[in-house]
C-alpha atoms as a PDB file:
ATOM      1  CA  MET A   1      11.467  20.731 -17.781  1.00  0.00           C
ATOM      2  CA  GLY A   2       9.282  23.144 -18.397  1.00  0.00           C
ATOM      3  CA  ALA A   3       6.023  21.396 -18.742  1.00  0.00           C
ATOM      4  CA  TYR A   4       8.274  18.692 -18.333  1.00  0.00           C
ATOM      5  CA  MET A   5      11.289  18.845 -15.709  1.00  0.00           C
ATOM      6  CA  ASP A   6      10.022  21.334 -12.910  1.00  0.00           C
ATOM      7  CA  SER A   7      12.327  22.309 -10.245  1.00  0.00           C
ATOM      8  CA  ASP A   8      11.776  18.218  -9.042  1.00  0.00           C
ATOM      9  CA  GLU A   9      11.004  17.071 -12.298  1.00  0.00           C
ATOM     10  CA  GLU A  10       8.312  15.002 -10.808  1.00  0.00           C
ATOM     11  CA  LEU A  11       5.408  13.954  -8.952  1.00  0.00           C
ATOM     12  CA  ARG A  12       5.812  11.588 -11.476  1.00  0.00           C
ATOM     13  CA  ARG A  13       9.455  12.912 -11.288  1.00  0.00           C
ATOM     14  CA  TYR A  14       8.171  13.649  -8.052  1.00  0.00           C
ATOM     15  CA  SER A  15      10.845  13.806  -6.029  1.00  0.00           C
ATOM     16  CA  VAL A  16      14.556  15.364  -5.657  1.00  0.00           C
ATOM     17  CA  SER A  17      16.837  13.954  -3.201  1.00  0.00           C
ATOM     18  CA  ASP A  18      18.122  15.290  -0.095  1.00  0.00           C
ATOM     19  CA  ASP A  19      20.575  14.576   2.649  1.00  0.00           C
ATOM     20  CA  HIS A  20      17.277  14.900   5.491  1.00  0.00           C
ATOM     21  CA  PHE A  21      14.388  13.699   2.797  1.00  0.00           C
ATOM     22  CA  ARG A  22      12.971  13.049  -0.657  1.00  0.00           C
ATOM     23  CA  GLU A  23      11.779  16.435  -0.745  1.00  0.00           C
ATOM     24  CA  ILE A  24       8.332  16.208  -3.162  1.00  0.00           C
ATOM     25  CA  ASP A  25       6.352  18.786  -5.321  1.00  0.00           C
ATOM     26  CA  LEU A  26       2.740  17.885  -4.625  1.00  0.00           C
ATOM     27  CA  THR A  27       1.254  20.440  -7.115  1.00  0.00           C
ATOM     28  CA  SER A  28       3.594  19.690 -10.429  1.00  0.00           C
ATOM     29  CA  SER A  29       1.337  17.382 -11.735  1.00  0.00           C
ATOM     30  CA  ILE A  30      -2.016  19.025 -10.896  1.00  0.00           C
ATOM     31  CA  ARG A  31      -0.476  22.644 -12.278  1.00  0.00           C
ATOM     32  CA  GLN A  32       0.901  20.625 -15.666  1.00  0.00           C
ATOM     33  CA  GLU A  33      -2.591  19.278 -15.965  1.00  0.00           C
ATOM     34  CA  ILE A  34      -4.638  22.287 -15.783  1.00  0.00           C
ATOM     35  CA  GLU A  35      -1.805  24.369 -18.291  1.00  0.00           C
ATOM     36  CA  LYS A  36      -2.594  21.354 -20.888  1.00  0.00           C
ATOM     37  CA  MET A  37      -6.552  22.017 -19.987  1.00  0.00           C
ATOM     38  CA  GLY A  38      -6.526  25.538 -20.245  1.00  0.00           C
ATOM     39  CA  HIS A  39      -8.266  26.276 -17.198  1.00  0.00           C
ATOM     40  CA  THR A  40      -5.869  28.571 -15.461  1.00  0.00           C
ATOM     41  CA  ASN A  41      -3.251  31.224 -16.251  1.00  0.00           C
ATOM     42  CA  ALA A  42      -0.602  28.959 -13.915  1.00  0.00           C
ATOM     43  CA  THR A  43       1.210  28.400 -17.191  1.00  0.00           C
ATOM     44  CA  LYS A  44       3.089  32.054 -16.468  1.00  0.00           C
ATOM     45  CA  SER A  45       4.138  31.069 -13.106  1.00  0.00           C
ATOM     46  CA  ARG A  46       5.919  27.488 -11.324  1.00  0.00           C
ATOM     47  CA  PRO A  47       4.059  25.236  -9.468  1.00  0.00           C
ATOM     48  CA  ALA A  48       4.146  26.052  -6.156  1.00  0.00           C
ATOM     49  CA  LYS A  49       5.582  23.693  -3.513  1.00  0.00           C
ATOM     50  CA  ARG A  50       5.715  23.466   0.389  1.00  0.00           C
ATOM     51  CA  LYS A  51       6.235  23.555   4.102  1.00  0.00           C
ATOM     52  CA  THR A  52       6.443  24.703   7.615  1.00  0.00           C
ATOM     53  CA  VAL A  53       6.322  25.357  11.455  1.00  0.00           C
ATOM     54  CA  LEU A  54       7.902  23.723  14.855  1.00  0.00           C
ATOM     55  CA  SER A  55       5.977  21.627  17.557  1.00  0.00           C
ATOM     56  CA  ILE A  56       6.630  22.735  20.868  1.00  0.00           C
ATOM     57  CA  ALA A  57       8.572  19.879  22.043  1.00  0.00           C
ATOM     58  CA  VAL A  58      11.504  20.455  19.758  1.00  0.00           C
ATOM     59  CA  SER A  59      15.090  20.753  21.192  1.00  0.00           C
ATOM     60  CA  CYS A  60      16.983  23.812  21.199  1.00  0.00           C
ATOM     61  CA  VAL A  61      19.150  23.248  18.118  1.00  0.00           C
ATOM     62  CA  PHE A  62      16.311  22.619  15.967  1.00  0.00           C
ATOM     63  CA  LEU A  63      14.487  25.902  17.283  1.00  0.00           C
ATOM     64  CA  LEU A  64      18.061  27.858  16.502  1.00  0.00           C
ATOM     65  CA  SER A  65      17.613  25.821  12.985  1.00  0.00           C
ATOM     66  CA  PHE A  66      13.920  27.503  12.870  1.00  0.00           C
ATOM     67  CA  THR A  67      14.835  31.092  13.889  1.00  0.00           C
ATOM     68  CA  ALA A  68      17.392  31.104  10.722  1.00  0.00           C
ATOM     69  CA  TYR A  69      14.889  29.906   8.412  1.00  0.00           C
ATOM     70  CA  ALA A  70      12.174  31.660   9.539  1.00  0.00           C
ATOM     71  CA  ALA A  71      14.144  34.821   9.214  1.00  0.00           C
ATOM     72  CA  SER A  72      14.490  34.153   5.578  1.00  0.00           C
ATOM     73  CA  GLY A  73      10.604  34.188   5.200  1.00  0.00           C
ATOM     74  CA  HIS A  74       9.901  31.046   5.350  1.00  0.00           C
ATOM     75  CA  LEU A  75       8.577  28.297   7.335  1.00  0.00           C
ATOM     76  CA  GLN A  76       9.065  24.591   8.715  1.00  0.00           C
ATOM     77  CA  ILE A  77       7.254  21.957  10.172  1.00  0.00           C
ATOM     78  CA  PHE A  78       8.753  19.573  12.400  1.00  0.00           C
ATOM     79  CA  ASN A  79       7.832  15.663  13.682  1.00  0.00           C
ATOM     80  CA  SER A  80       8.019  14.175  16.757  1.00  0.00           C
ATOM     81  CA  LYS A  81      11.622  13.260  16.204  1.00  0.00           C
ATOM     82  CA  GLY A  82      12.438  16.977  15.293  1.00  0.00           C
ATOM     83  CA  GLU A  83      13.268  16.262  12.106  1.00  0.00           C
ATOM     84  CA  VAL A  84      11.749  18.541   9.053  1.00  0.00           C
ATOM     85  CA  VAL A  85       8.975  17.166   7.523  1.00  0.00           C
ATOM     86  CA  VAL A  86       7.235  20.569   5.616  1.00  0.00           C
ATOM     87  CA  LYS A  87       8.740  23.406   4.447  1.00  0.00           C
ATOM     88  CA  THR A  88       8.500  25.991   2.280  1.00  0.00           C
ATOM     89  CA  THR A  89      11.872  27.703  -0.146  1.00  0.00           C
ATOM     90  CA  ASP A  90      11.872  30.044  -2.879  1.00  0.00           C
ATOM     91  CA  PRO A  91      11.208  29.296  -6.487  1.00  0.00           C
ATOM     92  CA  SER A  92      13.790  27.362  -8.270  1.00  0.00           C
ATOM     93  CA  PRO A  93      15.534  29.037 -10.932  1.00  0.00           C
ATOM     94  CA  SER A  94      13.697  28.928 -14.696  1.00  0.00           C
ATOM     95  CA  LEU A  95      14.979  26.495 -17.345  1.00  0.00           C
ATOM     96  CA  PRO A  96      17.028  27.715 -20.149  1.00  0.00           C
ATOM     97  CA  ASP A  97      14.244  28.521 -23.052  1.00  0.00           C
ATOM     98  CA  LYS A  98      16.344  25.783 -25.314  1.00  0.00           C
ATOM     99  CA  LEU A  99      16.788  22.850 -22.829  1.00  0.00           C
ATOM    100  CA  SER A 100      12.892  23.454 -21.955  1.00  0.00           C
ATOM    101  CA  ASN A 101      11.608  23.606 -25.433  1.00  0.00           C
ATOM    102  CA  GLU A 102      13.791  20.292 -26.472  1.00  0.00           C
ATOM    103  CA  LEU A 103      12.777  18.005 -23.507  1.00  0.00           C
ATOM    104  CA  GLU A 104       9.297  19.511 -23.971  1.00  0.00           C
ATOM    105  CA  ILE A 105       9.187  18.026 -27.678  1.00  0.00           C
ATOM    106  CA  TYR A 106      10.960  14.776 -25.945  1.00  0.00           C
ATOM    107  CA  GLY A 107       8.363  14.165 -23.668  1.00  0.00           C
ATOM    108  CA  ARG A 108       5.206  14.739 -25.884  1.00  0.00           C
ATOM    109  CA  GLN A 109       6.996  12.189 -27.917  1.00  0.00           C
ATOM    110  CA  VAL A 110       7.470   9.943 -25.404  1.00  0.00           C
ATOM    111  CA  LEU A 111       3.492  10.401 -24.133  1.00  0.00           C
ATOM    112  CA  SER A 112       2.317   9.545 -27.882  1.00  0.00           C
ATOM    113  CA  LEU A 113       4.135   6.338 -27.716  1.00  0.00           C
ATOM    114  CA  LEU A 114       1.988   5.091 -24.569  1.00  0.00           C
ATOM    115  CA  LYS A 115      -1.330   4.008 -23.918  1.00  0.00           C
ATOM    116  CA  PRO A 116      -3.004   4.921 -20.600  1.00  0.00           C
ATOM    117  CA  GLY A 117      -1.935   3.277 -18.291  1.00  0.00           C
ATOM    118  CA  GLU A 118       1.525   2.758 -19.751  1.00  0.00           C
ATOM    119  CA  LEU A 119       4.787   4.203 -17.503  1.00  0.00           C
ATOM    120  CA  ALA A 120       7.921   4.442 -19.363  1.00  0.00           C
ATOM    121  CA  ALA A 121      11.790   5.426 -19.044  1.00  0.00           C
ATOM    122  CA  TYR A 122      14.153   7.002 -22.134  1.00  0.00           C
ATOM    123  CA  TYR A 123      17.193   8.264 -22.549  1.00  0.00           C
ATOM    124  CA  ILE A 124      18.016  11.104 -25.244  1.00  0.00           C
ATOM    125  CA  LYS A 125      21.089  10.937 -27.180  1.00  0.00           C
ATOM    126  CA  ASP A 126      22.250  14.534 -26.777  1.00  0.00           C
ATOM    127  CA  ASP A 127      25.083  16.034 -25.300  1.00  0.00           C
ATOM    128  CA  TYR A 128      23.751  19.415 -25.109  1.00  0.00           C
ATOM    129  CA  ILE A 129      20.733  17.830 -22.263  1.00  0.00           C
ATOM    130  CA  ASN A 130      23.029  15.619 -20.696  1.00  0.00           C
ATOM    131  CA  LYS A 131      26.191  17.765 -20.400  1.00  0.00           C
ATOM    132  CA  LEU A 132      26.324  20.983 -21.769  1.00  0.00           C
ATOM    133  CA  ASN A 133      22.619  22.671 -20.845  1.00  0.00           C
ATOM    134  CA  GLY A 134      24.226  24.369 -17.627  1.00  0.00           C
ATOM    135  CA  TYR A 135      21.298  23.529 -15.616  1.00  0.00           C
ATOM    136  CA  ASP A 136      20.746  20.113 -15.076  1.00  0.00           C
ATOM    137  CA  THR A 137      23.870  17.599 -16.152  1.00  0.00           C
ATOM    138  CA  VAL A 138      22.724  14.730 -13.498  1.00  0.00           C
ATOM    139  CA  ASN A 139      19.379  13.303 -14.431  1.00  0.00           C
ATOM    140  CA  GLU A 140      20.101  11.118 -17.796  1.00  0.00           C
ATOM    141  CA  LEU A 141      17.445   8.829 -17.138  1.00  0.00           C
ATOM    142  CA  LYS A 142      13.750  10.570 -17.703  1.00  0.00           C
ATOM    143  CA  PHE A 143      10.401   9.140 -17.147  1.00  0.00           C
ATOM    144  CA  GLU A 144       6.688   9.611 -18.452  1.00  0.00           C
ATOM    145  CA  GLN A 145       3.456   8.371 -17.492  1.00  0.00           C
ATOM    146  CA  LEU A 146       0.143   8.286 -19.568  1.00  0.00           C
ATOM    147  CA  PRO A 147      -2.401   7.994 -16.470  1.00  0.00           C
ATOM    148  CA  ILE A 148      -5.820   6.878 -16.674  1.00  0.00           C
ATOM    149  CA  ASN A 149      -8.803   9.658 -15.716  1.00  0.00           C
ATOM    150  CA  TYR A 150     -11.027   7.393 -13.420  1.00  0.00           C
ATOM    151  CA  ARG A 151     -13.916   9.076 -13.736  1.00  0.00           C
ATOM    152  CA  SER A 152     -15.691   6.737 -11.175  1.00  0.00           C
ATOM    153  CA  TYR A 153     -14.883   7.234  -7.817  1.00  0.00           C
ATOM    154  CA  LYS A 154     -15.252   3.547  -6.629  1.00  0.00           C
ATOM    155  CA  GLU A 155     -12.842   2.971  -9.790  1.00  0.00           C
ATOM    156  CA  PHE A 156     -10.738   5.465  -8.317  1.00  0.00           C
ATOM    157  CA  LEU A 157     -10.282   4.019  -4.657  1.00  0.00           C
ATOM    158  CA  ALA A 158     -10.216   0.334  -6.243  1.00  0.00           C
ATOM    159  CA  GLU A 159      -6.804   1.355  -8.256  1.00  0.00           C
ATOM    160  CA  GLN A 160      -5.604   3.062  -5.154  1.00  0.00           C
ATOM    161  CA  ALA A 161      -6.056  -0.491  -3.219  1.00  0.00           C
ATOM    162  CA  ARG A 162      -4.605  -2.482  -5.852  1.00  0.00           C
ATOM    163  CA  THR A 163      -1.033  -0.293  -6.031  1.00  0.00           C
ATOM    164  CA  SER A 164      -0.897   0.473  -2.413  1.00  0.00           C
ATOM    165  CA  ALA A 165      -1.067   4.019  -3.246  1.00  0.00           C
ATOM    166  CA  PRO A 166      -1.250   6.584  -0.296  1.00  0.00           C
ATOM    167  CA  ARG A 167      -4.878   6.661   0.839  1.00  0.00           C
ATOM    168  CA  LEU A 168      -6.573   9.462  -0.992  1.00  0.00           C
ATOM    169  CA  GLN A 169     -10.311  10.107  -0.721  1.00  0.00           C
ATOM    170  CA  GLN A 170     -12.571  13.132  -1.159  1.00  0.00           C
ATOM    171  CA  PRO A 171     -12.809  15.362   1.968  1.00  0.00           C
ATOM    172  CA  VAL A 172     -15.628  14.364   4.444  1.00  0.00           C
ATOM    173  CA  TYR A 173     -16.558  17.699   4.035  1.00  0.00           C
ATOM    174  CA  LEU A 174     -17.505  19.429   0.714  1.00  0.00           C
ATOM    175  CA  PRO A 175     -18.386  22.847  -0.069  1.00  0.00           C
ATOM    176  CA  LYS A 176     -21.526  23.786  -1.526  1.00  0.00           C
ATOM    177  CA  GLY A 177     -21.068  23.246  -5.446  1.00  0.00           C
ATOM    178  CA  LEU A 178     -17.869  20.734  -5.549  1.00  0.00           C
ATOM    179  CA  SER A 179     -18.178  17.433  -6.317  1.00  0.00           C
ATOM    180  CA  PHE A 180     -15.663  14.598  -7.244  1.00  0.00           C
ATOM    181  CA  SER A 181     -14.105  15.100 -10.955  1.00  0.00           C
ATOM    182  CA  TYR A 182     -11.977  12.333 -11.840  1.00  0.00           C
ATOM    183  CA  GLY A 183      -8.780  10.983 -10.305  1.00  0.00           C
ATOM    184  CA  LYS A 184      -5.598   9.617 -11.467  1.00  0.00           C
ATOM    185  CA  VAL A 185      -2.398   7.455  -9.964  1.00  0.00           C
ATOM    186  CA  PHE A 186       1.018   7.560 -10.285  1.00  0.00           C
ATOM    187  CA  LEU A 187       3.255   4.209 -10.444  1.00  0.00           C
ATOM    188  CA  GLU A 188       6.758   4.219  -8.659  1.00  0.00           C
ATOM    189  CA  MET A 189       9.421   4.876 -10.534  1.00  0.00           C
ATOM    190  CA  PRO A 190      12.909   3.716  -9.745  1.00  0.00           C
ATOM    191  CA  LEU A 191      15.229   6.166  -8.668  1.00  0.00           C
ATOM    192  CA  GLY A 192      18.534   6.434  -7.439  1.00  0.00           C
ATOM    193  CA  LYS A 193      20.977   3.534  -7.312  1.00  0.00           C
ATOM    194  CA  GLU A 194      17.666   1.624  -8.508  1.00  0.00           C
ATOM    195  CA  SER A 195      17.672   3.129 -11.763  1.00  0.00           C
ATOM    196  CA  GLU A 196      21.671   2.577 -12.550  1.00  0.00           C
ATOM    197  CA  PRO A 197      21.199  -0.656 -14.843  1.00  0.00           C
ATOM    198  CA  LEU A 198      18.294   0.757 -16.755  1.00  0.00           C
ATOM    199  CA  LYS A 199      20.059   4.135 -17.150  1.00  0.00           C
ATOM    200  CA  GLN A 200      23.051   1.916 -18.528  1.00  0.00           C
ATOM    201  CA  LYS A 201      21.013  -0.544 -20.540  1.00  0.00           C
ATOM    202  CA  LEU A 202      19.667   2.573 -22.625  1.00  0.00           C
ATOM    203  CA  ILE A 203      22.891   4.506 -22.868  1.00  0.00           C
ATOM    204  CA  ASP A 204      24.255   1.341 -24.002  1.00  0.00           C
ATOM    205  CA  ARG A 205      21.207   1.188 -26.682  1.00  0.00           C
ATOM    206  CA  ALA A 206      22.184   4.667 -27.893  1.00  0.00           C
ATOM    207  CA  ASN A 207      25.627   4.242 -27.948  1.00  0.00           C
ATOM    208  CA  ALA A 208      25.197   0.736 -30.240  1.00  0.00           C
ATOM    209  CA  SER A 209      22.577   2.017 -32.391  1.00  0.00           C
ATOM    210  CA  ASN A 210      24.399   3.281 -35.929  1.00  0.00           C
ATOM    211  CA  ASN A 211      21.636   5.375 -36.889  1.00  0.00           C
ATOM    212  CA  ASN A 212      20.411   9.613 -36.162  1.00  0.00           C
ATOM    213  CA  ASP A 213      17.422   8.055 -33.505  1.00  0.00           C
ATOM    214  CA  LYS A 214      18.207  10.133 -30.711  1.00  0.00           C
ATOM    215  CA  LEU A 215      15.074   9.177 -28.439  1.00  0.00           C
ATOM    216  CA  PHE A 216      15.681   5.634 -26.492  1.00  0.00           C
ATOM    217  CA  ILE A 217      12.620   4.089 -24.579  1.00  0.00           C
ATOM    218  CA  GLU A 218      12.155   1.069 -21.889  1.00  0.00           C
ATOM    219  CA  LYS A 219       8.402   0.745 -20.952  1.00  0.00           C
ATOM    220  CA  LEU A 220       8.218  -0.342 -16.989  1.00  0.00           C
ATOM    221  CA  GLN A 221       6.172  -2.801 -15.684  1.00  0.00           C
ATOM    222  CA  GLY A 222       4.568  -0.504 -12.648  1.00  0.00           C
ATOM    223  CA  SER A 223       2.345  -1.963  -9.889  1.00  0.00           C
ATOM    224  CA  LYS A 224       2.981   0.119  -6.616  1.00  0.00           C
ATOM    225  CA  ALA A 225       2.181   3.610  -6.884  1.00  0.00           C
ATOM    226  CA  SER A 226       3.758   6.515  -5.063  1.00  0.00           C
ATOM    227  CA  SER A 227       1.139   9.355  -5.467  1.00  0.00           C
ATOM    228  CA  SER A 228      -2.393   9.639  -6.548  1.00  0.00           C
ATOM    229  CA  VAL A 229      -4.481  13.295  -7.680  1.00  0.00           C
ATOM    230  CA  LEU A 230      -7.880  13.718  -7.164  1.00  0.00           C
ATOM    231  CA  HIS A 231     -10.008  16.657  -8.752  1.00  0.00           C
ATOM    232  CA  LEU A 232     -13.167  18.270  -7.427  1.00  0.00           C
ATOM    233  CA  THR A 233     -15.322  20.049 -10.124  1.00  0.00           C
ATOM    234  CA  ASP A 234     -17.578  23.244  -9.447  1.00  0.00           C
ATOM    235  CA  GLY A 235     -19.378  22.228 -12.476  1.00  0.00           C
ATOM    236  CA  LYS A 236     -17.584  24.532 -14.424  1.00  0.00           C
ATOM    237  CA  ASN A 237     -13.927  23.791 -14.208  1.00  0.00           C
ATOM    238  CA  ASP A 238     -13.358  19.962 -14.071  1.00  0.00           C
ATOM    239  CA  THR A 239      -9.634  20.558 -11.909  1.00  0.00           C
ATOM    240  CA  ALA A 240     -11.062  23.701  -9.723  1.00  0.00           C
ATOM    241  CA  VAL A 241      -9.839  21.797  -6.593  1.00  0.00           C
ATOM    242  CA  GLY A 242      -7.062  19.691  -6.673  1.00  0.00           C
ATOM    243  CA  ILE A 243      -5.803  17.019  -3.946  1.00  0.00           C
ATOM    244  CA  THR A 244      -2.673  15.134  -4.160  1.00  0.00           C
ATOM    245  CA  ALA A 245      -0.878  12.434  -1.616  1.00  0.00           C
ATOM    246  CA  SER A 246       2.422  11.172  -2.507  1.00  0.00           C
ATOM    247  CA  TYR A 247       4.724   8.860  -0.145  1.00  0.00           C
ATOM    248  CA  GLY A 248       7.977  10.735   1.073  1.00  0.00           C
ATOM    249  CA  LEU A 249      10.223  11.338   4.117  1.00  0.00           C
ATOM    250  CA  GLY A 250       9.518  15.179   3.777  1.00  0.00           C
ATOM    251  CA  ILE A 251       7.957  18.119   1.300  1.00  0.00           C
ATOM    252  CA  SER A 252       9.201  20.979   0.028  1.00  0.00           C
ATOM    253  CA  LEU A 253       6.685  23.820  -1.093  1.00  0.00           C
ATOM    254  CA  THR A 254       7.929  27.017  -3.837  1.00  0.00           C
ATOM    255  CA  LYS A 255       6.562  30.345  -2.121  1.00  0.00           C
ATOM    256  CA  SER A 256       6.295  32.555  -4.303  1.00  0.00           C
ATOM    257  CA  PRO A 257       7.716  36.427  -3.491  1.00  0.00           C
ATOM    258  CA  ASP A 258       4.181  37.746  -3.480  1.00  0.00           C
ATOM    259  CA  ALA A 259       2.339  34.908  -1.697  1.00  0.00           C
ATOM    260  CA  THR A 260       1.712  34.716   2.448  1.00  0.00           C
ATOM    261  CA  SER A 261       2.228  31.676   4.083  1.00  0.00           C
ATOM    262  CA  GLU A 262       1.266  30.882   8.121  1.00  0.00           C
ATOM    263  CA  ILE A 263       1.328  27.715  10.236  1.00  0.00           C
ATOM    264  CA  ILE A 264      -2.299  26.641  11.042  1.00  0.00           C
ATOM    265  CA  GLN A 265      -3.906  23.806  12.911  1.00  0.00           C
ATOM    266  CA  LEU A 266      -5.623  20.936  11.781  1.00  0.00           C
ATOM    267  CA  LYS A 267      -6.791  19.245  14.714  1.00  0.00           C
ATOM    268  CA  GLN A 268      -3.408  17.549  16.183  1.00  0.00           C
ATOM    269  CA  VAL A 269      -1.674  18.339  12.777  1.00  0.00           C
ATOM    270  CA  GLU A 270       0.291  21.302  12.158  1.00  0.00           C
ATOM    271  CA  ALA A 271      -0.243  22.611   8.319  1.00  0.00           C
ATOM    272  CA  VAL A 272       1.113  24.951   5.805  1.00  0.00           C
ATOM    273  CA  TYR A 273      -1.439  27.571   4.575  1.00  0.00           C
ATOM    274  CA  LEU A 274      -0.122  29.462   1.360  1.00  0.00           C
ATOM    275  CA  ASN A 275      -1.740  32.140  -0.664  1.00  0.00           C
ATOM    276  CA  GLN A 276      -0.816  32.830  -3.848  1.00  0.00           C
ATOM    277  CA  PRO A 277      -2.683  35.573  -5.847  1.00  0.00           C
ATOM    278  CA  ILE A 278      -2.100  34.434  -9.219  1.00  0.00           C
ATOM    279  CA  LEU A 279      -2.065  30.671  -8.629  1.00  0.00           C
ATOM    280  CA  GLY A 280      -4.509  30.291  -5.658  1.00  0.00           C
ATOM    281  CA  GLU A 281      -4.571  28.797  -2.116  1.00  0.00           C
ATOM    282  CA  THR A 282      -3.295  25.856  -0.718  1.00  0.00           C
ATOM    283  CA  ILE A 283      -3.289  23.636   2.571  1.00  0.00           C
ATOM    284  CA  THR A 284      -0.253  20.967   2.838  1.00  0.00           C
ATOM    285  CA  TRP A 285       0.491  18.960   5.950  1.00  0.00           C
ATOM    286  CA  TYR A 286       1.983  15.427   6.376  1.00  0.00           C
ATOM    287  CA  ASP A 287       0.533  12.046   7.716  1.00  0.00           C
ATOM    288  CA  SER A 288       3.810  10.520  10.230  1.00  0.00           C
ATOM    289  CA  LYS A 289       1.928   6.991   9.756  1.00  0.00           C
ATOM    290  CA  GLN A 290       1.369   6.866   6.298  1.00  0.00           C
ATOM    291  CA  GLY A 291       4.571   8.750   5.321  1.00  0.00           C
ATOM    292  CA  ALA A 292       2.663  10.555   2.889  1.00  0.00           C
ATOM    293  CA  ALA A 293       1.980  14.168   2.177  1.00  0.00           C
ATOM    294  CA  TYR A 294      -1.430  15.955   1.257  1.00  0.00           C
ATOM    295  CA  SER A 295      -1.959  19.110  -0.171  1.00  0.00           C
ATOM    296  CA  ILE A 296      -5.402  20.537  -1.127  1.00  0.00           C
ATOM    297  CA  MET A 297      -5.386  23.500  -3.635  1.00  0.00           C
ATOM    298  CA  VAL A 298      -7.675  26.005  -4.827  1.00  0.00           C
ATOM    299  CA  ASN A 299      -6.950  26.895  -8.556  1.00  0.00           C
ATOM    300  CA  LYS A 300     -10.259  29.290  -8.679  1.00  0.00           C
ATOM    301  CA  PRO A 301      -9.577  32.381  -6.493  1.00  0.00           C
ATOM    302  CA  GLY A 302     -12.500  33.243  -4.773  1.00  0.00           C
ATOM    303  CA  LEU A 303     -14.263  29.685  -5.094  1.00  0.00           C
ATOM    304  CA  VAL A 304     -14.202  28.502  -1.419  1.00  0.00           C
ATOM    305  CA  SER A 305     -13.100  30.570   1.478  1.00  0.00           C
ATOM    306  CA  LYS A 306     -10.043  30.116   3.777  1.00  0.00           C
ATOM    307  CA  LYS A 307     -12.519  29.057   6.633  1.00  0.00           C
ATOM    308  CA  GLU A 308     -14.006  26.320   4.240  1.00  0.00           C
ATOM    309  CA  LEU A 309     -10.546  24.934   2.913  1.00  0.00           C
ATOM    310  CA  ILE A 310      -9.303  24.597   6.457  1.00  0.00           C
ATOM    311  CA  LYS A 311     -12.734  22.716   7.373  1.00  0.00           C
ATOM    312  CA  MET A 312     -12.294  20.479   4.131  1.00  0.00           C
ATOM    313  CA  ALA A 313      -8.907  19.599   4.700  1.00  0.00           C
ATOM    314  CA  GLU A 314      -9.747  18.803   8.767  1.00  0.00           C
ATOM    315  CA  SER A 315     -11.911  16.481   7.567  1.00  0.00           C
ATOM    316  CA  MET A 316      -9.371  14.532   5.694  1.00  0.00           C
ATOM    317  CA  VAL A 317      -6.944  14.257   8.614  1.00  0.00           C
ATOM    318  CA  THR A 318      -6.767  10.934  10.182  1.00  0.00           C
ATOM    319  CA  GLU A 319      -4.022  11.307  12.565  1.00  0.00           C
END
């Protein structure tokens, strides 16, 4: 969705169904926010998604699966059950300009009607968007949230606790010059079969309308969070480093053609280190106990060394 529908349509639209797991784009919301604030040139590139390699005690079947996948230049990480929990993937095709522009206009219109903290579902009565765009004709029900910027670290932690968000605290180790900037908590949205009654309600409302309205909105009462975002500042850039945590069964990371990636060890946990020349460096891992994926993204090239980034990530690992 341009600014509003990425390859997964969410980390507010955060996840896409898969036969094996829900894939999460941990970086989507951070990149969108940076684009809006104008702090980077990431608007010229798609958000990065990530996944990785393999534990020694994996069956031959999964070893063969890994070998085939690695041949394409991608990595996978498996959990103790032999399930893929992190992998790298190719970038998704770009949206048609017309679709991207129209979705962005409607998305901004919905956001303009929301108060901080509010979440809404909406349906657009438009055949091109829902049936004829040639890209996405499945997700007729769309969502927007206007999250609250918690400038107080204490309030950010309190909101995580209130909404049962995945545990996200700033790294115990922080390189010199970095400090807490602000945090956001994103509410869980109805997906799959759970969303069908809501979608049908909005479609019925649209079909019964006698005017030329195209946008039909329903504000939702959400109490449980699906993800959190924490930003660190270097004193000049409020989004110099972005850290995300999101519930899900696995994470898929987009790897640009010029990126390099490798599997690294964070204490007893495997992680993917991804270096993308334009987008910056990222470390991503999966916390099996929480059922949540974590990612630290450095949005300013050269801000911290690879060694410091790994040390930051290790100080967050709880498994």
